[in-house]
Amino acid sequence: MSNHSDQIRALLATYERALNTSDAALAASCYTADGVFMPTTLPTAAGDQMQAAYGHVFAAIRLRVTFTVDELVVTSDQSAYAL
């Protein structure tokens, strides 16, 4: 499942870049088709609402985040978690 680990790490790096550059389209593209974004103090967003929701968040705050993955466990082709 090494390939899955590499793909997940690449996705997390893309999401980190999206957050740090306030790129709403890139952030939304990191989700699956049935993904849900639940921003604090804003309505939950899914599907075609996702990009606009990230746009609202990025208009209100500027993020500077660094993701550190200490452990990545791929449990199946459909499930994984990172610590």
PDB file of N, CA and C in Angstrom:
ATOM      1  N   MET A   1       0.817  -1.199   0.000  1.00  0.00           N
ATOM      2  CA  MET A   1       0.000   0.000   0.000  1.00  0.00           C
ATOM      3  C   MET A   1       0.859   1.261   0.000  1.00  0.00           C
ATOM      4  N   SER A   2       2.123   1.106  -0.300  1.00  0.00           N
ATOM      5  CA  SER A   2       3.040   2.240  -0.328  1.00  0.00           C
ATOM      6  C   SER A   2       2.565   3.321  -1.284  1.00  0.00           C
ATOM      7  N   ASN A   3       2.056   2.931  -2.445  1.00  0.00           N
ATOM      8  CA  ASN A   3       1.556   3.904  -3.409  1.00  0.00           C
ATOM      9  C   ASN A   3       0.437   4.748  -2.813  1.00  0.00           C
ATOM     10  N   HIS A   4      -0.434   4.126  -2.029  1.00  0.00           N
ATOM     11  CA  HIS A   4      -1.503   4.870  -1.367  1.00  0.00           C
ATOM     12  C   HIS A   4      -0.909   5.894  -0.399  1.00  0.00           C
ATOM     13  N   SER A   5       0.091   5.502   0.335  1.00  0.00           N
ATOM     14  CA  SER A   5       0.739   6.418   1.277  1.00  0.00           C
ATOM     15  C   SER A   5       1.306   7.622   0.547  1.00  0.00           C
ATOM     16  N   ASP A   6       1.966   7.384  -0.565  1.00  0.00           N
ATOM     17  CA  ASP A   6       2.538   8.482  -1.352  1.00  0.00           C
ATOM     18  C   ASP A   6       1.446   9.414  -1.866  1.00  0.00           C
ATOM     19  N   GLN A   7       0.332   8.841  -2.327  1.00  0.00           N
ATOM     20  CA  GLN A   7      -0.778   9.650  -2.831  1.00  0.00           C
ATOM     21  C   GLN A   7      -1.398  10.491  -1.712  1.00  0.00           C
ATOM     22  N   ILE A   8      -1.539   9.908  -0.536  1.00  0.00           N
ATOM     23  CA  ILE A   8      -2.116  10.641   0.598  1.00  0.00           C
ATOM     24  C   ILE A   8      -1.191  11.766   1.029  1.00  0.00           C
ATOM     25  N   ARG A   9       0.094  11.497   1.099  1.00  0.00           N
ATOM     26  CA  ARG A   9       1.056  12.547   1.467  1.00  0.00           C
ATOM     27  C   ARG A   9       1.038  13.690   0.443  1.00  0.00           C
ATOM     28  N   ALA A  10       0.924  13.341  -0.825  1.00  0.00           N
ATOM     29  CA  ALA A  10       0.845  14.371  -1.867  1.00  0.00           C
ATOM     30  C   ALA A  10      -0.433  15.187  -1.723  1.00  0.00           C
ATOM     31  N   LEU A  11      -1.545  14.530  -1.423  1.00  0.00           N
ATOM     32  CA  LEU A  11      -2.808  15.242  -1.220  1.00  0.00           C
ATOM     33  C   LEU A  11      -2.716  16.190  -0.029  1.00  0.00           C
ATOM     34  N   LEU A  12      -2.135  15.728   1.062  1.00  0.00           N
ATOM     35  CA  LEU A  12      -1.981  16.586   2.245  1.00  0.00           C
ATOM     36  C   LEU A  12      -1.083  17.781   1.948  1.00  0.00           C
ATOM     37  N   ALA A  13      -0.045  17.578   1.156  1.00  0.00           N
ATOM     38  CA  ALA A  13       0.833  18.691   0.774  1.00  0.00           C
ATOM     39  C   ALA A  13       0.076  19.700  -0.097  1.00  0.00           C
ATOM     40  N   THR A  14      -0.764  19.211  -0.978  1.00  0.00           N
ATOM     41  CA  THR A  14      -1.575  20.093  -1.819  1.00  0.00           C
ATOM     42  C   THR A  14      -2.559  20.884  -0.968  1.00  0.00           C
ATOM     43  N   TYR A  15      -3.200  20.221  -0.025  1.00  0.00           N
ATOM     44  CA  TYR A  15      -4.161  20.899   0.854  1.00  0.00           C
ATOM     45  C   TYR A  15      -3.459  21.944   1.715  1.00  0.00           C
ATOM     46  N   GLU A  16      -2.293  21.618   2.225  1.00  0.00           N
ATOM     47  CA  GLU A  16      -1.513  22.583   3.010  1.00  0.00           C
ATOM     48  C   GLU A  16      -1.196  23.821   2.159  1.00  0.00           C
ATOM     49  N   ARG A  17      -0.768  23.597   0.915  1.00  0.00           N
ATOM     50  CA  ARG A  17      -0.473  24.708   0.006  1.00  0.00           C
ATOM     51  C   ARG A  17      -1.725  25.540  -0.266  1.00  0.00           C
ATOM     52  N   ALA A  18      -2.862  24.878  -0.462  1.00  0.00           N
ATOM     53  CA  ALA A  18      -4.124  25.589  -0.711  1.00  0.00           C
ATOM     54  C   ALA A  18      -4.481  26.488   0.464  1.00  0.00           C
ATOM     55  N   LEU A  19      -4.334  25.977   1.670  1.00  0.00           N
ATOM     56  CA  LEU A  19      -4.657  26.775   2.851  1.00  0.00           C
ATOM     57  C   LEU A  19      -3.713  27.969   2.989  1.00  0.00           C
ATOM     58  N   ASN A  20      -2.436  27.743   2.752  1.00  0.00           N
ATOM     59  CA  ASN A  20      -1.447  28.806   2.932  1.00  0.00           C
ATOM     60  C   ASN A  20      -1.485  29.865   1.832  1.00  0.00           C
ATOM     61  N   THR A  21      -2.044  29.522   0.686  1.00  0.00           N
ATOM     62  CA  THR A  21      -2.128  30.489  -0.413  1.00  0.00           C
ATOM     63  C   THR A  21      -3.554  31.008  -0.614  1.00  0.00           C
ATOM     64  N   SER A  22      -4.466  30.597   0.275  1.00  0.00           N
ATOM     65  CA  SER A  22      -5.875  31.006   0.199  1.00  0.00           C
ATOM     66  C   SER A  22      -6.484  30.673  -1.158  1.00  0.00           C
ATOM     67  N   ASP A  23      -6.172  29.510  -1.665  1.00  0.00           N
ATOM     68  CA  ASP A  23      -6.665  29.062  -2.972  1.00  0.00           C
ATOM     69  C   ASP A  23      -7.902  28.187  -2.759  1.00  0.00           C
ATOM     70  N   ALA A  24      -9.071  28.809  -2.859  1.00  0.00           N
ATOM     71  CA  ALA A  24     -10.334  28.119  -2.583  1.00  0.00           C
ATOM     72  C   ALA A  24     -10.583  26.966  -3.564  1.00  0.00           C
ATOM     73  N   ALA A  25     -10.272  27.171  -4.823  1.00  0.00           N
ATOM     74  CA  ALA A  25     -10.493  26.109  -5.810  1.00  0.00           C
ATOM     75  C   ALA A  25      -9.599  24.906  -5.528  1.00  0.00           C
ATOM     76  N   LEU A  26      -8.353  25.166  -5.175  1.00  0.00           N
ATOM     77  CA  LEU A  26      -7.426  24.077  -4.877  1.00  0.00           C
ATOM     78  C   LEU A  26      -7.848  23.341  -3.609  1.00  0.00           C
ATOM     79  N   ALA A  27      -8.264  24.080  -2.584  1.00  0.00           N
ATOM     80  CA  ALA A  27      -8.719  23.450  -1.344  1.00  0.00           C
ATOM     81  C   ALA A  27      -9.923  22.553  -1.616  1.00  0.00           C
ATOM     82  N   ALA A  28     -10.883  23.048  -2.361  1.00  0.00           N
ATOM     83  CA  ALA A  28     -12.080  22.264  -2.667  1.00  0.00           C
ATOM     84  C   ALA A  28     -11.744  21.025  -3.488  1.00  0.00           C
ATOM     85  N   SER A  29     -10.740  21.130  -4.339  1.00  0.00           N
ATOM     86  CA  SER A  29     -10.363  19.994  -5.185  1.00  0.00           C
ATOM     87  C   SER A  29      -9.744  18.846  -4.395  1.00  0.00           C
ATOM     88  N   CYS A  30      -9.376  19.087  -3.165  1.00  0.00           N
ATOM     89  CA  CYS A  30      -8.771  18.047  -2.327  1.00  0.00           C
ATOM     90  C   CYS A  30      -9.803  17.100  -1.725  1.00  0.00           C
ATOM     91  N   TYR A  31     -11.065  17.409  -1.878  1.00  0.00           N
ATOM     92  CA  TYR A  31     -12.141  16.596  -1.306  1.00  0.00           C
ATOM     93  C   TYR A  31     -12.660  15.579  -2.314  1.00  0.00           C
ATOM     94  N   THR A  32     -13.219  14.502  -1.816  1.00  0.00           N
ATOM     95  CA  THR A  32     -13.927  13.550  -2.670  1.00  0.00           C
ATOM     96  C   THR A  32     -15.257  14.164  -3.081  1.00  0.00           C
ATOM     97  N   ALA A  33     -15.926  13.537  -4.026  1.00  0.00           N
ATOM     98  CA  ALA A  33     -17.209  14.051  -4.513  1.00  0.00           C
ATOM     99  C   ALA A  33     -18.246  14.165  -3.405  1.00  0.00           C
ATOM    100  N   ASP A  34     -18.165  13.301  -2.412  1.00  0.00           N
ATOM    101  CA  ASP A  34     -19.132  13.341  -1.303  1.00  0.00           C
ATOM    102  C   ASP A  34     -18.541  13.967  -0.037  1.00  0.00           C
ATOM    103  N   GLY A  35     -17.421  14.677  -0.178  1.00  0.00           N
ATOM    104  CA  GLY A  35     -16.786  15.324   0.970  1.00  0.00           C
ATOM    105  C   GLY A  35     -17.623  16.458   1.529  1.00  0.00           C
ATOM    106  N   VAL A  36     -17.393  16.773   2.796  1.00  0.00           N
ATOM    107  CA  VAL A  36     -18.128  17.832   3.491  1.00  0.00           C
ATOM    108  C   VAL A  36     -17.131  18.720   4.224  1.00  0.00           C
ATOM    109  N   PHE A  37     -17.301  20.031   4.095  1.00  0.00           N
ATOM    110  CA  PHE A  37     -16.473  21.035   4.780  1.00  0.00           C
ATOM    111  C   PHE A  37     -17.343  21.676   5.846  1.00  0.00           C
ATOM    112  N   MET A  38     -16.867  21.661   7.086  1.00  0.00           N
ATOM    113  CA  MET A  38     -17.637  22.209   8.211  1.00  0.00           C
ATOM    114  C   MET A  38     -16.848  23.333   8.881  1.00  0.00           C
ATOM    115  N   PRO A  39     -16.840  24.530   8.275  1.00  0.00           N
ATOM    116  CA  PRO A  39     -16.085  25.638   8.859  1.00  0.00           C
ATOM    117  C   PRO A  39     -16.771  26.176  10.123  1.00  0.00           C
ATOM    118  N   THR A  40     -15.978  26.601  11.054  1.00  0.00           N
ATOM    119  CA  THR A  40     -16.493  27.182  12.284  1.00  0.00           C
ATOM    120  C   THR A  40     -17.264  28.456  11.964  1.00  0.00           C
ATOM    121  N   THR A  41     -18.437  28.609  12.530  1.00  0.00           N
ATOM    122  CA  THR A  41     -19.334  29.771  12.433  1.00  0.00           C
ATOM    123  C   THR A  41     -19.943  29.990  11.041  1.00  0.00           C
ATOM    124  N   LEU A  42     -19.695  29.078  10.104  1.00  0.00           N
ATOM    125  CA  LEU A  42     -20.295  29.172   8.772  1.00  0.00           C
ATOM    126  C   LEU A  42     -21.064  27.889   8.492  1.00  0.00           C
ATOM    127  N   PRO A  43     -21.995  27.935   7.558  1.00  0.00           N
ATOM    128  CA  PRO A  43     -22.749  26.715   7.234  1.00  0.00           C
ATOM    129  C   PRO A  43     -21.858  25.612   6.658  1.00  0.00           C
ATOM    130  N   THR A  44     -22.259  24.397   6.877  1.00  0.00           N
ATOM    131  CA  THR A  44     -21.596  23.242   6.282  1.00  0.00           C
ATOM    132  C   THR A  44     -21.736  23.323   4.768  1.00  0.00           C
ATOM    133  N   ALA A  45     -20.684  22.928   4.057  1.00  0.00           N
ATOM    134  CA  ALA A  45     -20.700  22.999   2.594  1.00  0.00           C
ATOM    135  C   ALA A  45     -20.317  21.647   2.007  1.00  0.00           C
ATOM    136  N   ALA A  46     -20.914  21.352   0.870  1.00  0.00           N
ATOM    137  CA  ALA A  46     -20.586  20.125   0.143  1.00  0.00           C
ATOM    138  C   ALA A  46     -20.734  20.392  -1.349  1.00  0.00           C
ATOM    139  N   GLY A  47     -20.120  19.539  -2.141  1.00  0.00           N
ATOM    140  CA  GLY A  47     -20.266  19.641  -3.592  1.00  0.00           C
ATOM    141  C   GLY A  47     -19.859  20.989  -4.149  1.00  0.00           C
ATOM    142  N   ASP A  48     -20.737  21.573  -4.970  1.00  0.00           N
ATOM    143  CA  ASP A  48     -20.413  22.835  -5.631  1.00  0.00           C
ATOM    144  C   ASP A  48     -20.418  24.039  -4.685  1.00  0.00           C
ATOM    145  N   GLN A  49     -20.806  23.854  -3.436  1.00  0.00           N
ATOM    146  CA  GLN A  49     -20.767  24.920  -2.424  1.00  0.00           C
ATOM    147  C   GLN A  49     -19.390  25.053  -1.780  1.00  0.00           C
ATOM    148  N   MET A  50     -18.578  24.025  -1.950  1.00  0.00           N
ATOM    149  CA  MET A  50     -17.291  23.935  -1.250  1.00  0.00           C
ATOM    150  C   MET A  50     -16.357  25.111  -1.572  1.00  0.00           C
ATOM    151  N   GLN A  51     -16.200  25.425  -2.834  1.00  0.00           N
ATOM    152  CA  GLN A  51     -15.277  26.491  -3.217  1.00  0.00           C
ATOM    153  C   GLN A  51     -15.720  27.834  -2.640  1.00  0.00           C
ATOM    154  N   ALA A  52     -17.002  28.133  -2.702  1.00  0.00           N
ATOM    155  CA  ALA A  52     -17.502  29.395  -2.142  1.00  0.00           C
ATOM    156  C   ALA A  52     -17.284  29.443  -0.636  1.00  0.00           C
ATOM    157  N   ALA A  53     -17.489  28.325   0.040  1.00  0.00           N
ATOM    158  CA  ALA A  53     -17.288  28.281   1.495  1.00  0.00           C
ATOM    159  C   ALA A  53     -15.832  28.568   1.837  1.00  0.00           C
ATOM    160  N   TYR A  54     -14.919  27.962   1.107  1.00  0.00           N
ATOM    161  CA  TYR A  54     -13.498  28.258   1.344  1.00  0.00           C
ATOM    162  C   TYR A  54     -13.203  29.722   1.023  1.00  0.00           C
ATOM    163  N   GLY A  55     -13.829  30.265  -0.010  1.00  0.00           N
ATOM    164  CA  GLY A  55     -13.641  31.678  -0.339  1.00  0.00           C
ATOM    165  C   GLY A  55     -14.044  32.581   0.810  1.00  0.00           C
ATOM    166  N   HIS A  56     -15.148  32.251   1.489  1.00  0.00           N
ATOM    167  CA  HIS A  56     -15.585  33.038   2.648  1.00  0.00           C
ATOM    168  C   HIS A  56     -14.579  32.943   3.792  1.00  0.00           C
ATOM    169  N   VAL A  57     -14.085  31.750   4.027  1.00  0.00           N
ATOM    170  CA  VAL A  57     -13.094  31.569   5.095  1.00  0.00           C
ATOM    171  C   VAL A  57     -11.833  32.363   4.776  1.00  0.00           C
ATOM    172  N   PHE A  58     -11.338  32.244   3.552  1.00  0.00           N
ATOM    173  CA  PHE A  58     -10.100  32.927   3.177  1.00  0.00           C
ATOM    174  C   PHE A  58     -10.261  34.446   3.137  1.00  0.00           C
ATOM    175  N   ALA A  59     -11.470  34.922   2.936  1.00  0.00           N
ATOM    176  CA  ALA A  59     -11.704  36.372   2.982  1.00  0.00           C
ATOM    177  C   ALA A  59     -11.636  36.887   4.415  1.00  0.00           C
ATOM    178  N   ALA A  60     -11.902  36.011   5.375  1.00  0.00           N
ATOM    179  CA  ALA A  60     -11.941  36.422   6.783  1.00  0.00           C
ATOM    180  C   ALA A  60     -10.620  36.205   7.518  1.00  0.00           C
ATOM    181  N   ILE A  61      -9.875  35.179   7.136  1.00  0.00           N
ATOM    182  CA  ILE A  61      -8.632  34.859   7.856  1.00  0.00           C
ATOM    183  C   ILE A  61      -7.530  34.478   6.882  1.00  0.00           C
ATOM    184  N   ARG A  62      -6.325  34.607   7.343  1.00  0.00           N
ATOM    185  CA  ARG A  62      -5.146  34.189   6.582  1.00  0.00           C
ATOM    186  C   ARG A  62      -4.511  33.043   7.359  1.00  0.00           C
ATOM    187  N   LEU A  63      -4.255  31.941   6.713  1.00  0.00           N
ATOM    188  CA  LEU A  63      -3.692  30.778   7.386  1.00  0.00           C
ATOM    189  C   LEU A  63      -2.218  30.600   7.054  1.00  0.00           C
ATOM    190  N   ARG A  64      -1.473  30.155   8.025  1.00  0.00           N
ATOM    191  CA  ARG A  64      -0.081  29.747   7.856  1.00  0.00           C
ATOM    192  C   ARG A  64       0.062  28.450   8.633  1.00  0.00           C
ATOM    193  N   VAL A  65      -0.107  27.345   7.938  1.00  0.00           N
ATOM    194  CA  VAL A  65      -0.078  26.046   8.593  1.00  0.00           C
ATOM    195  C   VAL A  65       1.046  25.192   8.029  1.00  0.00           C
ATOM    196  N   THR A  66       1.510  24.280   8.855  1.00  0.00           N
ATOM    197  CA  THR A  66       2.479  23.277   8.440  1.00  0.00           C
ATOM    198  C   THR A  66       1.970  21.934   8.933  1.00  0.00           C
ATOM    199  N   PHE A  67       1.768  21.023   8.022  1.00  0.00           N
ATOM    200  CA  PHE A  67       1.326  19.685   8.398  1.00  0.00           C
ATOM    201  C   PHE A  67       2.548  18.817   8.674  1.00  0.00           C
ATOM    202  N   THR A  68       2.518  18.132   9.779  1.00  0.00           N
ATOM    203  CA  THR A  68       3.536  17.152  10.113  1.00  0.00           C
ATOM    204  C   THR A  68       2.836  15.821  10.311  1.00  0.00           C
ATOM    205  N   VAL A  69       3.188  14.849   9.510  1.00  0.00           N
ATOM    206  CA  VAL A  69       2.580  13.529   9.622  1.00  0.00           C
ATOM    207  C   VAL A  69       3.579  12.621  10.326  1.00  0.00           C
ATOM    208  N   ASP A  70       3.258  12.274  11.559  1.00  0.00           N
ATOM    209  CA  ASP A  70       4.114  11.374  12.321  1.00  0.00           C
ATOM    210  C   ASP A  70       3.864   9.919  11.961  1.00  0.00           C
ATOM    211  N   GLU A  71       2.628   9.626  11.615  1.00  0.00           N
ATOM    212  CA  GLU A  71       2.270   8.262  11.254  1.00  0.00           C
ATOM    213  C   GLU A  71       1.130   8.298  10.243  1.00  0.00           C
ATOM    214  N   LEU A  72       1.240   7.488   9.228  1.00  0.00           N
ATOM    215  CA  LEU A  72       0.198   7.365   8.218  1.00  0.00           C
ATOM    216  C   LEU A  72      -0.137   5.889   8.092  1.00  0.00           C
ATOM    217  N   VAL A  73      -1.398   5.574   8.348  1.00  0.00           N
ATOM    218  CA  VAL A  73      -1.839   4.179   8.310  1.00  0.00           C
ATOM    219  C   VAL A  73      -2.897   4.036   7.223  1.00  0.00           C
ATOM    220  N   VAL A  74      -2.608   3.221   6.246  1.00  0.00           N
ATOM    221  CA  VAL A  74      -3.574   2.910   5.197  1.00  0.00           C
ATOM    222  C   VAL A  74      -4.221   1.583   5.590  1.00  0.00           C
ATOM    223  N   THR A  75      -5.506   1.634   5.875  1.00  0.00           N
ATOM    224  CA  THR A  75      -6.206   0.446   6.351  1.00  0.00           C
ATOM    225  C   THR A  75      -6.871  -0.348   5.234  1.00  0.00           C
ATOM    226  N   SER A  76      -7.112   0.296   4.096  1.00  0.00           N
ATOM    227  CA  SER A  76      -7.704  -0.370   2.932  1.00  0.00           C
ATOM    228  C   SER A  76      -7.605   0.577   1.742  1.00  0.00           C
ATOM    229  N   ASP A  77      -8.160   0.154   0.624  1.00  0.00           N
ATOM    230  CA  ASP A  77      -8.191   1.040  -0.548  1.00  0.00           C
ATOM    231  C   ASP A  77      -9.123   2.229  -0.335  1.00  0.00           C
ATOM    232  N   GLN A  78      -9.974   2.170   0.667  1.00  0.00           N
ATOM    233  CA  GLN A  78     -10.970   3.214   0.915  1.00  0.00           C
ATOM    234  C   GLN A  78     -10.758   3.965   2.220  1.00  0.00           C
ATOM    235  N   SER A  79      -9.777   3.585   3.015  1.00  0.00           N
ATOM    236  CA  SER A  79      -9.668   4.172   4.354  1.00  0.00           C
ATOM    237  C   SER A  79      -8.210   4.308   4.796  1.00  0.00           C
ATOM    238  N   ALA A  80      -7.933   5.448   5.417  1.00  0.00           N
ATOM    239  CA  ALA A  80      -6.598   5.698   5.959  1.00  0.00           C
ATOM    240  C   ALA A  80      -6.724   6.781   7.019  1.00  0.00           C
ATOM    241  N   TYR A  81      -5.711   6.880   7.863  1.00  0.00           N
ATOM    242  CA  TYR A  81      -5.682   7.983   8.806  1.00  0.00           C
ATOM    243  C   TYR A  81      -4.236   8.422   9.036  1.00  0.00           C
ATOM    244  N   ALA A  82      -4.093   9.700   9.349  1.00  0.00           N
ATOM    245  CA  ALA A  82      -2.780  10.277   9.597  1.00  0.00           C
ATOM    246  C   ALA A  82      -2.760  10.874  10.985  1.00  0.00           C
ATOM    247  N   LEU A  83      -1.639  10.697  11.637  1.00  0.00           N
ATOM    248  CA  LEU A  83      -1.441  11.275  12.970  1.00  0.00           C
ATOM    249  C   LEU A  83      -0.285  12.249  12.923  1.00  0.00           C
TER     250      LEU A  83
END
